[in-house]
PDB file of N, CA and C in Angstrom:
ATOM      1  N   MET A   1      73.222  41.474 114.417  1.00  0.00           N
ATOM      2  CA  MET A   1      72.687  42.491 115.297  1.00  0.00           C
ATOM      3  C   MET A   1      71.631  43.282 114.537  1.00  0.00           C
ATOM      4  N   SER A   2      70.422  43.290 115.037  1.00  0.00           N
ATOM      5  CA  SER A   2      69.340  43.978 114.327  1.00  0.00           C
ATOM      6  C   SER A   2      69.301  45.449 114.714  1.00  0.00           C
ATOM      7  N   ARG A   3      68.893  46.245 113.763  1.00  0.00           N
ATOM      8  CA  ARG A   3      68.758  47.685 114.000  1.00  0.00           C
ATOM      9  C   ARG A   3      67.279  47.998 114.192  1.00  0.00           C
ATOM     10  N   PRO A   4      66.976  48.975 115.026  1.00  0.00           N
ATOM     11  CA  PRO A   4      65.564  49.349 115.178  1.00  0.00           C
ATOM     12  C   PRO A   4      65.049  49.950 113.874  1.00  0.00           C
ATOM     13  N   GLN A   5      63.772  49.732 113.603  1.00  0.00           N
ATOM     14  CA  GLN A   5      63.148  50.291 112.411  1.00  0.00           C
ATOM     15  C   GLN A   5      62.174  51.370 112.835  1.00  0.00           C
ATOM     16  N   TYR A   6      62.076  52.401 111.990  1.00  0.00           N
ATOM     17  CA  TYR A   6      61.183  53.518 112.265  1.00  0.00           C
ATOM     18  C   TYR A   6      60.280  53.733 111.066  1.00  0.00           C
ATOM     19  N   THR A   7      59.086  54.151 111.332  1.00  0.00           N
ATOM     20  CA  THR A   7      58.166  54.532 110.269  1.00  0.00           C
ATOM     21  C   THR A   7      57.927  56.020 110.405  1.00  0.00           C
ATOM     22  N   ILE A   8      58.141  56.748 109.319  1.00  0.00           N
ATOM     23  CA  ILE A   8      57.885  58.183 109.343  1.00  0.00           C
ATOM     24  C   ILE A   8      56.894  58.528 108.250  1.00  0.00           C
ATOM     25  N   HIS A   9      56.145  59.584 108.467  1.00  0.00           N
ATOM     26  CA  HIS A   9      55.189  60.065 107.477  1.00  0.00           C
ATOM     27  C   HIS A   9      55.706  61.398 106.959  1.00  0.00           C
ATOM     28  N   LEU A  10      55.881  61.467 105.651  1.00  0.00           N
ATOM     29  CA  LEU A  10      56.388  62.680 105.025  1.00  0.00           C
ATOM     30  C   LEU A  10      55.269  63.403 104.302  1.00  0.00           C
ATOM     31  N   PRO A  11      55.314  64.720 104.261  1.00  0.00           N
ATOM     32  CA  PRO A  11      54.373  65.440 103.407  1.00  0.00           C
ATOM     33  C   PRO A  11      54.567  64.974 101.960  1.00  0.00           C
ATOM     34  N   ALA A  12      53.524  65.044 101.173  1.00  0.00           N
ATOM     35  CA  ALA A  12      53.548  64.511  99.810  1.00  0.00           C
ATOM     36  C   ALA A  12      54.694  65.080  98.986  1.00  0.00           C
ATOM     37  N   GLU A  13      54.904  66.395  99.046  1.00  0.00           N
ATOM     38  CA  GLU A  13      55.959  67.009  98.238  1.00  0.00           C
ATOM     39  C   GLU A  13      57.339  66.519  98.672  1.00  0.00           C
ATOM     40  N   VAL A  14      57.548  66.357  99.970  1.00  0.00           N
ATOM     41  CA  VAL A  14      58.839  65.861 100.461  1.00  0.00           C
ATOM     42  C   VAL A  14      59.036  64.424  99.988  1.00  0.00           C
ATOM     43  N   GLY A  15      57.997  63.624 100.057  1.00  0.00           N
ATOM     44  CA  GLY A  15      58.081  62.240  99.589  1.00  0.00           C
ATOM     45  C   GLY A  15      58.425  62.163  98.110  1.00  0.00           C
ATOM     46  N   ARG A  16      57.823  63.056  97.314  1.00  0.00           N
ATOM     47  CA  ARG A  16      58.134  63.074  95.878  1.00  0.00           C
ATOM     48  C   ARG A  16      59.593  63.450  95.648  1.00  0.00           C
ATOM     49  N   ARG A  17      60.087  64.409  96.428  1.00  0.00           N
ATOM     50  CA  ARG A  17      61.490  64.812  96.272  1.00  0.00           C
ATOM     51  C   ARG A  17      62.431  63.678  96.663  1.00  0.00           C
ATOM     52  N   VAL A  18      62.102  62.950  97.730  1.00  0.00           N
ATOM     53  CA  VAL A  18      62.914  61.799  98.132  1.00  0.00           C
ATOM     54  C   VAL A  18      62.903  60.749  97.025  1.00  0.00           C
ATOM     55  N   ASP A  19      61.722  60.468  96.475  1.00  0.00           N
ATOM     56  CA  ASP A  19      61.618  59.471  95.407  1.00  0.00           C
ATOM     57  C   ASP A  19      62.411  59.884  94.171  1.00  0.00           C
ATOM     58  N   ARG A  20      62.322  61.173  93.792  1.00  0.00           N
ATOM     59  CA  ARG A  20      63.074  61.641  92.611  1.00  0.00           C
ATOM     60  C   ARG A  20      64.575  61.524  92.851  1.00  0.00           C
ATOM     61  N   ALA A  21      65.024  61.909  94.043  1.00  0.00           N
ATOM     62  CA  ALA A  21      66.455  61.823  94.353  1.00  0.00           C
ATOM     63  C   ALA A  21      66.918  60.367  94.349  1.00  0.00           C
ATOM     64  N   ALA A  22      66.108  59.488  94.898  1.00  0.00           N
ATOM     65  CA  ALA A  22      66.469  58.065  94.935  1.00  0.00           C
ATOM     66  C   ALA A  22      66.573  57.503  93.523  1.00  0.00           C
ATOM     67  N   LYS A  23      65.633  57.855  92.679  1.00  0.00           N
ATOM     68  CA  LYS A  23      65.659  57.366  91.293  1.00  0.00           C
ATOM     69  C   LYS A  23      66.878  57.921  90.559  1.00  0.00           C
ATOM     70  N   ARG A  24      67.135  59.224  90.731  1.00  0.00           N
ATOM     71  CA  ARG A  24      68.252  59.870  90.055  1.00  0.00           C
ATOM     72  C   ARG A  24      69.589  59.264  90.500  1.00  0.00           C
ATOM     73  N   GLU A  25      69.703  58.943  91.783  1.00  0.00           N
ATOM     74  CA  GLU A  25      70.954  58.408  92.332  1.00  0.00           C
ATOM     75  C   GLU A  25      71.000  56.889  92.338  1.00  0.00           C
ATOM     76  N   LYS A  26      69.920  56.259  91.836  1.00  0.00           N
ATOM     77  CA  LYS A  26      69.814  54.787  91.806  1.00  0.00           C
ATOM     78  C   LYS A  26      70.036  54.199  93.207  1.00  0.00           C
ATOM     79  N   ARG A  27      69.270  54.735  94.161  1.00  0.00           N
ATOM     80  CA  ARG A  27      69.351  54.301  95.550  1.00  0.00           C
ATOM     81  C   ARG A  27      67.949  54.061  96.078  1.00  0.00           C
ATOM     82  N   LYS A  28      67.885  53.459  97.260  1.00  0.00           N
ATOM     83  CA  LYS A  28      66.586  53.270  97.908  1.00  0.00           C
ATOM     84  C   LYS A  28      66.160  54.582  98.563  1.00  0.00           C
ATOM     85  N   PRO A  29      64.856  54.880  98.569  1.00  0.00           N
ATOM     86  CA  PRO A  29      64.385  56.098  99.231  1.00  0.00           C
ATOM     87  C   PRO A  29      64.807  56.172 100.701  1.00  0.00           C
ATOM     88  N   SER A  30      64.853  55.042 101.372  1.00  0.00           N
ATOM     89  CA  SER A  30      65.258  55.072 102.786  1.00  0.00           C
ATOM     90  C   SER A  30      66.710  55.514 102.936  1.00  0.00           C
ATOM     91  N   ASP A  31      67.570  55.156 101.978  1.00  0.00           N
ATOM     92  CA  ASP A  31      68.969  55.592 102.047  1.00  0.00           C
ATOM     93  C   ASP A  31      69.084  57.100 101.865  1.00  0.00           C
ATOM     94  N   VAL A  32      68.268  57.647 100.968  1.00  0.00           N
ATOM     95  CA  VAL A  32      68.267  59.100 100.762  1.00  0.00           C
ATOM     96  C   VAL A  32      67.793  59.796 102.037  1.00  0.00           C
ATOM     97  N   ALA A  33      66.748  59.259 102.660  1.00  0.00           N
ATOM     98  CA  ALA A  33      66.214  59.851 103.885  1.00  0.00           C
ATOM     99  C   ALA A  33      67.245  59.780 105.015  1.00  0.00           C
ATOM    100  N   VAL A  34      67.960  58.665 105.130  1.00  0.00           N
ATOM    101  CA  VAL A  34      68.988  58.522 106.166  1.00  0.00           C
ATOM    102  C   VAL A  34      70.075  59.580 105.967  1.00  0.00           C
ATOM    103  N   ASP A  35      70.523  59.779 104.716  1.00  0.00           N
ATOM    104  CA  ASP A  35      71.543  60.800 104.453  1.00  0.00           C
ATOM    105  C   ASP A  35      71.043  62.193 104.826  1.00  0.00           C
ATOM    106  N   ALA A  36      69.780  62.483 104.519  1.00  0.00           N
ATOM    107  CA  ALA A  36      69.221  63.800 104.847  1.00  0.00           C
ATOM    108  C   ALA A  36      69.167  63.998 106.366  1.00  0.00           C
ATOM    109  N   ILE A  37      68.782  62.970 107.092  1.00  0.00           N
ATOM    110  CA  ILE A  37      68.706  63.074 108.548  1.00  0.00           C
ATOM    111  C   ILE A  37      70.101  63.217 109.147  1.00  0.00           C
ATOM    112  N   ARG A  38      71.060  62.470 108.616  1.00  0.00           N
ATOM    113  CA  ARG A  38      72.443  62.606 109.103  1.00  0.00           C
ATOM    114  C   ARG A  38      72.964  64.017 108.870  1.00  0.00           C
ATOM    115  N   LEU A  39      72.673  64.574 107.699  1.00  0.00           N
ATOM    116  CA  LEU A  39      73.106  65.932 107.393  1.00  0.00           C
ATOM    117  C   LEU A  39      72.463  66.928 108.354  1.00  0.00           C
ATOM    118  N   TYR A  40      71.187  66.732 108.646  1.00  0.00           N
ATOM    119  CA  TYR A  40      70.482  67.617 109.573  1.00  0.00           C
ATOM    120  C   TYR A  40      71.176  67.649 110.930  1.00  0.00           C
ATOM    121  N   PHE A  41      71.554  66.492 111.447  1.00  0.00           N
ATOM    122  CA  PHE A  41      72.183  66.436 112.767  1.00  0.00           C
ATOM    123  C   PHE A  41      73.652  66.836 112.737  1.00  0.00           C
ATOM    124  N   ALA A  42      74.262  66.857 111.572  1.00  0.00           N
ATOM    125  CA  ALA A  42      75.677  67.227 111.460  1.00  0.00           C
ATOM    126  C   ALA A  42      75.874  68.732 111.425  1.00  0.00           C
ATOM    127  N   ILE A  43      74.823  69.490 111.157  1.00  0.00           N
ATOM    128  CA  ILE A  43      74.945  70.946 111.085  1.00  0.00           C
ATOM    129  C   ILE A  43      75.148  71.478 112.496  1.00  0.00           C
ATOM    130  N   PRO A  44      76.275  72.135 112.726  1.00  0.00           N
ATOM    131  CA  PRO A  44      76.536  72.624 114.085  1.00  0.00           C
ATOM    132  C   PRO A  44      75.604  73.781 114.453  1.00  0.00           C
ATOM    133  N   THR A  45      75.214  73.798 115.681  1.00  0.00           N
ATOM    134  CA  THR A  45      74.396  74.900 116.178  1.00  0.00           C
ATOM    135  C   THR A  45      75.087  75.482 117.401  1.00  0.00           C
ATOM    136  N   GLU A  46      74.888  76.742 117.600  1.00  0.00           N
ATOM    137  CA  GLU A  46      75.440  77.365 118.800  1.00  0.00           C
ATOM    138  C   GLU A  46      74.450  78.395 119.298  1.00  0.00           C
ATOM    139  N   ALA A  47      74.462  78.589 120.591  1.00  0.00           N
ATOM    140  CA  ALA A  47      73.542  79.534 121.203  1.00  0.00           C
ATOM    141  C   ALA A  47      74.022  80.964 120.953  1.00  0.00           C
ATOM    142  N   ALA A  48      73.057  81.860 120.785  1.00  0.00           N
ATOM    143  CA  ALA A  48      73.394  83.274 120.605  1.00  0.00           C
ATOM    144  C   ALA A  48      73.953  83.827 121.912  1.00  0.00           C
ATOM    145  N   THR A  49      74.901  84.735 121.784  1.00  0.00           N
ATOM    146  CA  THR A  49      75.453  85.381 122.967  1.00  0.00           C
ATOM    147  C   THR A  49      74.435  86.394 123.495  1.00  0.00           C
ATOM    148  N   ALA A  50      74.670  86.899 124.681  1.00  0.00           N
ATOM    149  CA  ALA A  50      73.773  87.898 125.266  1.00  0.00           C
ATOM    150  C   ALA A  50      73.715  89.143 124.381  1.00  0.00           C
ATOM    151  N   ALA A  51      74.864  89.569 123.852  1.00  0.00           N
ATOM    152  CA  ALA A  51      74.898  90.748 122.975  1.00  0.00           C
ATOM    153  C   ALA A  51      74.105  90.493 121.701  1.00  0.00           C
ATOM    154  N   GLU A  52      74.201  89.283 121.150  1.00  0.00           N
ATOM    155  CA  GLU A  52      73.449  88.952 119.935  1.00  0.00           C
ATOM    156  C   GLU A  52      71.949  88.934 120.215  1.00  0.00           C
ATOM    157  N   ARG A  53      71.557  88.392 121.373  1.00  0.00           N
ATOM    158  CA  ARG A  53      70.132  88.373 121.722  1.00  0.00           C
ATOM    159  C   ARG A  53      69.588  89.791 121.883  1.00  0.00           C
ATOM    160  N   ARG A  54      70.387  90.686 122.479  1.00  0.00           N
ATOM    161  CA  ARG A  54      69.958  92.084 122.614  1.00  0.00           C
ATOM    162  C   ARG A  54      69.828  92.742 121.244  1.00  0.00           C
ATOM    163  N   ALA A  55      70.780  92.486 120.352  1.00  0.00           N
ATOM    164  CA  ALA A  55      70.726  93.065 119.005  1.00  0.00           C
ATOM    165  C   ALA A  55      69.504  92.553 118.246  1.00  0.00           C
ATOM    166  N   ILE A  56      69.203  91.276 118.398  1.00  0.00           N
ATOM    167  CA  ILE A  56      68.012  90.710 117.744  1.00  0.00           C
ATOM    168  C   ILE A  56      66.756  91.374 118.292  1.00  0.00           C
ATOM    169  N   ALA A  57      66.685  91.543 119.605  1.00  0.00           N
ATOM    170  CA  ALA A  57      65.513  92.184 120.222  1.00  0.00           C
ATOM    171  C   ALA A  57      65.363  93.621 119.736  1.00  0.00           C
ATOM    172  N   ARG A  58      66.485  94.372 119.620  1.00  0.00           N
ATOM    173  CA  ARG A  58      66.421  95.741 119.105  1.00  0.00           C
ATOM    174  C   ARG A  58      65.922  95.752 117.661  1.00  0.00           C
ATOM    175  N   GLY A  59      66.420  94.822 116.856  1.00  0.00           N
ATOM    176  CA  GLY A  59      65.990  94.742 115.468  1.00  0.00           C
ATOM    177  C   GLY A  59      64.519  94.395 115.338  1.00  0.00           C
ATOM    178  N   GLU A  60      64.044  93.458 116.154  1.00  0.00           N
ATOM    179  CA  GLU A  60      62.621  93.088 116.112  1.00  0.00           C
ATOM    180  C   GLU A  60      61.752  94.255 116.558  1.00  0.00           C
ATOM    181  N   ALA A  61      62.200  95.008 117.572  1.00  0.00           N
ATOM    182  CA  ALA A  61      61.430  96.169 118.034  1.00  0.00           C
ATOM    183  C   ALA A  61      61.378  97.234 116.944  1.00  0.00           C
ATOM    184  N   ALA A  62      62.507  97.494 116.284  1.00  0.00           N
ATOM    185  CA  ALA A  62      62.535  98.486 115.204  1.00  0.00           C
ATOM    186  C   ALA A  62      61.625  98.049 114.066  1.00  0.00           C
ATOM    187  N   TYR A  63      61.663  96.778 113.716  1.00  0.00           N
ATOM    188  CA  TYR A  63      60.800  96.268 112.647  1.00  0.00           C
ATOM    189  C   TYR A  63      59.332  96.436 113.027  1.00  0.00           C
ATOM    190  N   GLY A  64      59.020  96.141 114.290  1.00  0.00           N
ATOM    191  CA  GLY A  64      57.639  96.288 114.754  1.00  0.00           C
ATOM    192  C   GLY A  64      57.137  97.721 114.659  1.00  0.00           C
ATOM    193  N   LYS A  65      58.046  98.693 114.800  1.00  0.00           N
ATOM    194  CA  LYS A  65      57.677 100.111 114.688  1.00  0.00           C
ATOM    195  C   LYS A  65      57.666 100.580 113.234  1.00  0.00           C
ATOM    196  N   GLY A  66      58.083  99.712 112.322  1.00  0.00           N
ATOM    197  CA  GLY A  66      58.138 100.096 110.917  1.00  0.00           C
ATOM    198  C   GLY A  66      59.438 100.783 110.543  1.00  0.00           C
ATOM    199  N   ASP A  67      60.430 100.693 111.409  1.00  0.00           N
ATOM    200  CA  ASP A  67      61.719 101.337 111.173  1.00  0.00           C
ATOM    201  C   ASP A  67      62.632 100.382 110.406  1.00  0.00           C
ATOM    202  N   TYR A  68      62.387 100.273 109.105  1.00  0.00           N
ATOM    203  CA  TYR A  68      63.202  99.406 108.265  1.00  0.00           C
ATOM    204  C   TYR A  68      63.057  99.871 106.821  1.00  0.00           C
ATOM    205  N   ILE A  69      63.952  99.376 105.967  1.00  0.00           N
ATOM    206  CA  ILE A  69      63.810  99.618 104.531  1.00  0.00           C
ATOM    207  C   ILE A  69      63.934  98.278 103.831  1.00  0.00           C
ATOM    208  N   THR A  70      63.357  98.188 102.653  1.00  0.00           N
ATOM    209  CA  THR A  70      63.460  96.957 101.882  1.00  0.00           C
ATOM    210  C   THR A  70      64.810  96.918 101.183  1.00  0.00           C
ATOM    211  N   LEU A  71      65.192  95.770 100.738  1.00  0.00           N
ATOM    212  CA  LEU A  71      66.446  95.631 100.016  1.00  0.00           C
ATOM    213  C   LEU A  71      66.407  96.434  98.718  1.00  0.00           C
ATOM    214  N   ASP A  72      65.257  96.426  98.044  1.00  0.00           N
ATOM    215  CA  ASP A  72      65.117  97.228  96.820  1.00  0.00           C
ATOM    216  C   ASP A  72      65.317  98.713  97.121  1.00  0.00           C
ATOM    217  N   ASP A  73      64.734  99.194  98.229  1.00  0.00           N
ATOM    218  CA  ASP A  73      64.915 100.601  98.607  1.00  0.00           C
ATOM    219  C   ASP A  73      66.377 100.899  98.902  1.00  0.00           C
ATOM    220  N   TYR A  74      67.048  99.959  99.568  1.00  0.00           N
ATOM    221  CA  TYR A  74      68.460 100.166  99.877  1.00  0.00           C
ATOM    222  C   TYR A  74      69.279 100.293  98.594  1.00  0.00           C
ATOM    223  N   PHE A  75      69.097  99.356  97.667  1.00  0.00           N
ATOM    224  CA  PHE A  75      69.857  99.411  96.422  1.00  0.00           C
ATOM    225  C   PHE A  75      69.546 100.677  95.641  1.00  0.00           C
ATOM    226  N   HIS A  76      68.290 101.111  95.689  1.00  0.00           N
ATOM    227  CA  HIS A  76      67.924 102.340  94.985  1.00  0.00           C
ATOM    228  C   HIS A  76      68.646 103.548  95.610  1.00  0.00           C
ATOM    229  N   SER A  77      68.801 103.527  96.952  1.00  0.00           N
ATOM    230  CA  SER A  77      69.429 104.668  97.618  1.00  0.00           C
ATOM    231  C   SER A  77      70.943 104.719  97.391  1.00  0.00           C
ATOM    232  N   VAL A  78      71.581 103.571  97.211  1.00  0.00           N
ATOM    233  CA  VAL A  78      73.033 103.553  97.018  1.00  0.00           C
ATOM    234  C   VAL A  78      73.414 103.313  95.568  1.00  0.00           C
ATOM    235  N   GLY A  79      72.444 103.126  94.727  1.00  0.00           N
ATOM    236  CA  GLY A  79      72.726 102.799  93.325  1.00  0.00           C
ATOM    237  C   GLY A  79      72.665 101.295  93.144  1.00  0.00           C
ATOM    238  N   ASP A  80      72.252 100.902  91.997  1.00  0.00           N
ATOM    239  CA  ASP A  80      72.133  99.467  91.739  1.00  0.00           C
ATOM    240  C   ASP A  80      73.488  98.784  91.871  1.00  0.00           C
ATOM    241  N   PRO A  81      73.493  97.551  92.347  1.00  0.00           N
ATOM    242  CA  PRO A  81      74.765  96.841  92.452  1.00  0.00           C
ATOM    243  C   PRO A  81      75.358  96.629  91.061  1.00  0.00           C
ATOM    244  N   PRO A  82      76.656  96.573  90.960  1.00  0.00           N
ATOM    245  CA  PRO A  82      77.262  96.389  89.634  1.00  0.00           C
ATOM    246  C   PRO A  82      76.909  95.028  89.064  1.00  0.00           C
ATOM    247  N   HIS A  83      76.695  95.007  87.783  1.00  0.00           N
ATOM    248  CA  HIS A  83      76.395  93.748  87.098  1.00  0.00           C
ATOM    249  C   HIS A  83      77.576  93.415  86.200  1.00  0.00           C
ATOM    250  N   ARG A  84      78.080  92.228  86.368  1.00  0.00           N
ATOM    251  CA  ARG A  84      79.177  91.791  85.508  1.00  0.00           C
ATOM    252  C   ARG A  84      78.587  91.114  84.281  1.00  0.00           C
ATOM    253  N   PRO A  85      79.050  91.484  83.102  1.00  0.00           N
ATOM    254  CA  PRO A  85      78.549  90.784  81.920  1.00  0.00           C
ATOM    255  C   PRO A  85      79.032  89.337  81.927  1.00  0.00           C
ATOM    256  N   ARG A  86      78.152  88.460  81.534  1.00  0.00           N
ATOM    257  CA  ARG A  86      78.523  87.051  81.494  1.00  0.00           C
ATOM    258  C   ARG A  86      79.302  86.758  80.229  1.00  0.00           C
ATOM    259  N   LYS A  87      80.273  85.880  80.360  1.00  0.00           N
ATOM    260  CA  LYS A  87      81.023  85.470  79.189  1.00  0.00           C
ATOM    261  C   LYS A  87      80.155  84.536  78.362  1.00  0.00           C
ATOM    262  N   LYS A  88      80.177  84.740  77.073  1.00  0.00           N
ATOM    263  CA  LYS A  88      79.409  83.864  76.195  1.00  0.00           C
ATOM    264  C   LYS A  88      80.220  82.606  75.937  1.00  0.00           C
ATOM    265  N   VAL A  89      79.543  81.485  76.036  1.00  0.00           N
ATOM    266  CA  VAL A  89      80.187  80.203  75.827  1.00  0.00           C
ATOM    267  C   VAL A  89      79.776  79.685  74.472  1.00  0.00           C
ATOM    268  N   SER A  90      80.743  79.294  73.681  1.00  0.00           N
ATOM    269  CA  SER A  90      80.451  78.759  72.362  1.00  0.00           C
ATOM    270  C   SER A  90      79.840  77.370  72.512  1.00  0.00           C
ATOM    271  N   ARG A  91      78.745  77.137  71.855  1.00  0.00           N
ATOM    272  CA  ARG A  91      78.049  75.847  71.944  1.00  0.00           C
ATOM    273  C   ARG A  91      78.298  74.977  70.712  1.00  0.00           C
ATOM    274  N   THR A  92      79.237  75.358  69.885  1.00  0.00           N
ATOM    275  CA  THR A  92      79.482  74.580  68.674  1.00  0.00           C
ATOM    276  C   THR A  92      80.463  73.465  68.974  1.00  0.00           C
ATOM    277  N   ARG A  93      80.286  72.373  68.270  1.00  0.00           N
ATOM    278  CA  ARG A  93      81.185  71.233  68.397  1.00  0.00           C
ATOM    279  C   ARG A  93      81.775  70.935  67.034  1.00  0.00           C
ATOM    280  N   SER A  94      83.039  70.587  67.049  1.00  0.00           N
ATOM    281  CA  SER A  94      83.641  70.205  65.775  1.00  0.00           C
ATOM    282  C   SER A  94      83.561  68.694  65.654  1.00  0.00           C
ATOM    283  N   ILE A  95      83.286  68.242  64.457  1.00  0.00           N
ATOM    284  CA  ILE A  95      83.185  66.791  64.200  1.00  0.00           C
ATOM    285  C   ILE A  95      84.449  66.393  63.455  1.00  0.00           C
ATOM    286  N   ALA A  96      85.182  65.483  64.043  1.00  0.00           N
ATOM    287  CA  ALA A  96      86.448  65.082  63.430  1.00  0.00           C
ATOM    288  C   ALA A  96      86.284  63.792  62.671  1.00  0.00           C
TER     289      ALA A  96
END
């Protein structure tokens, strides 16, 4: 049973990313593209509720009037978020 074949044209950067992924995974570029397309269609989507659409419209109207603050301004107003110190990992190896 034959499968239909498709020809697609990818932007150069996308094509390079497909080629790099195929080389890294030791697969054909078409297999990488098929997996990406399957993943795209597997992501569930749902329609916004009426209340969500109204909230989005209110937010867009407020933004259009300039009634917003940046994330940097928000953090400055409430204090910088806490930073956890990273644990240092020893990079030494013992030779037995």
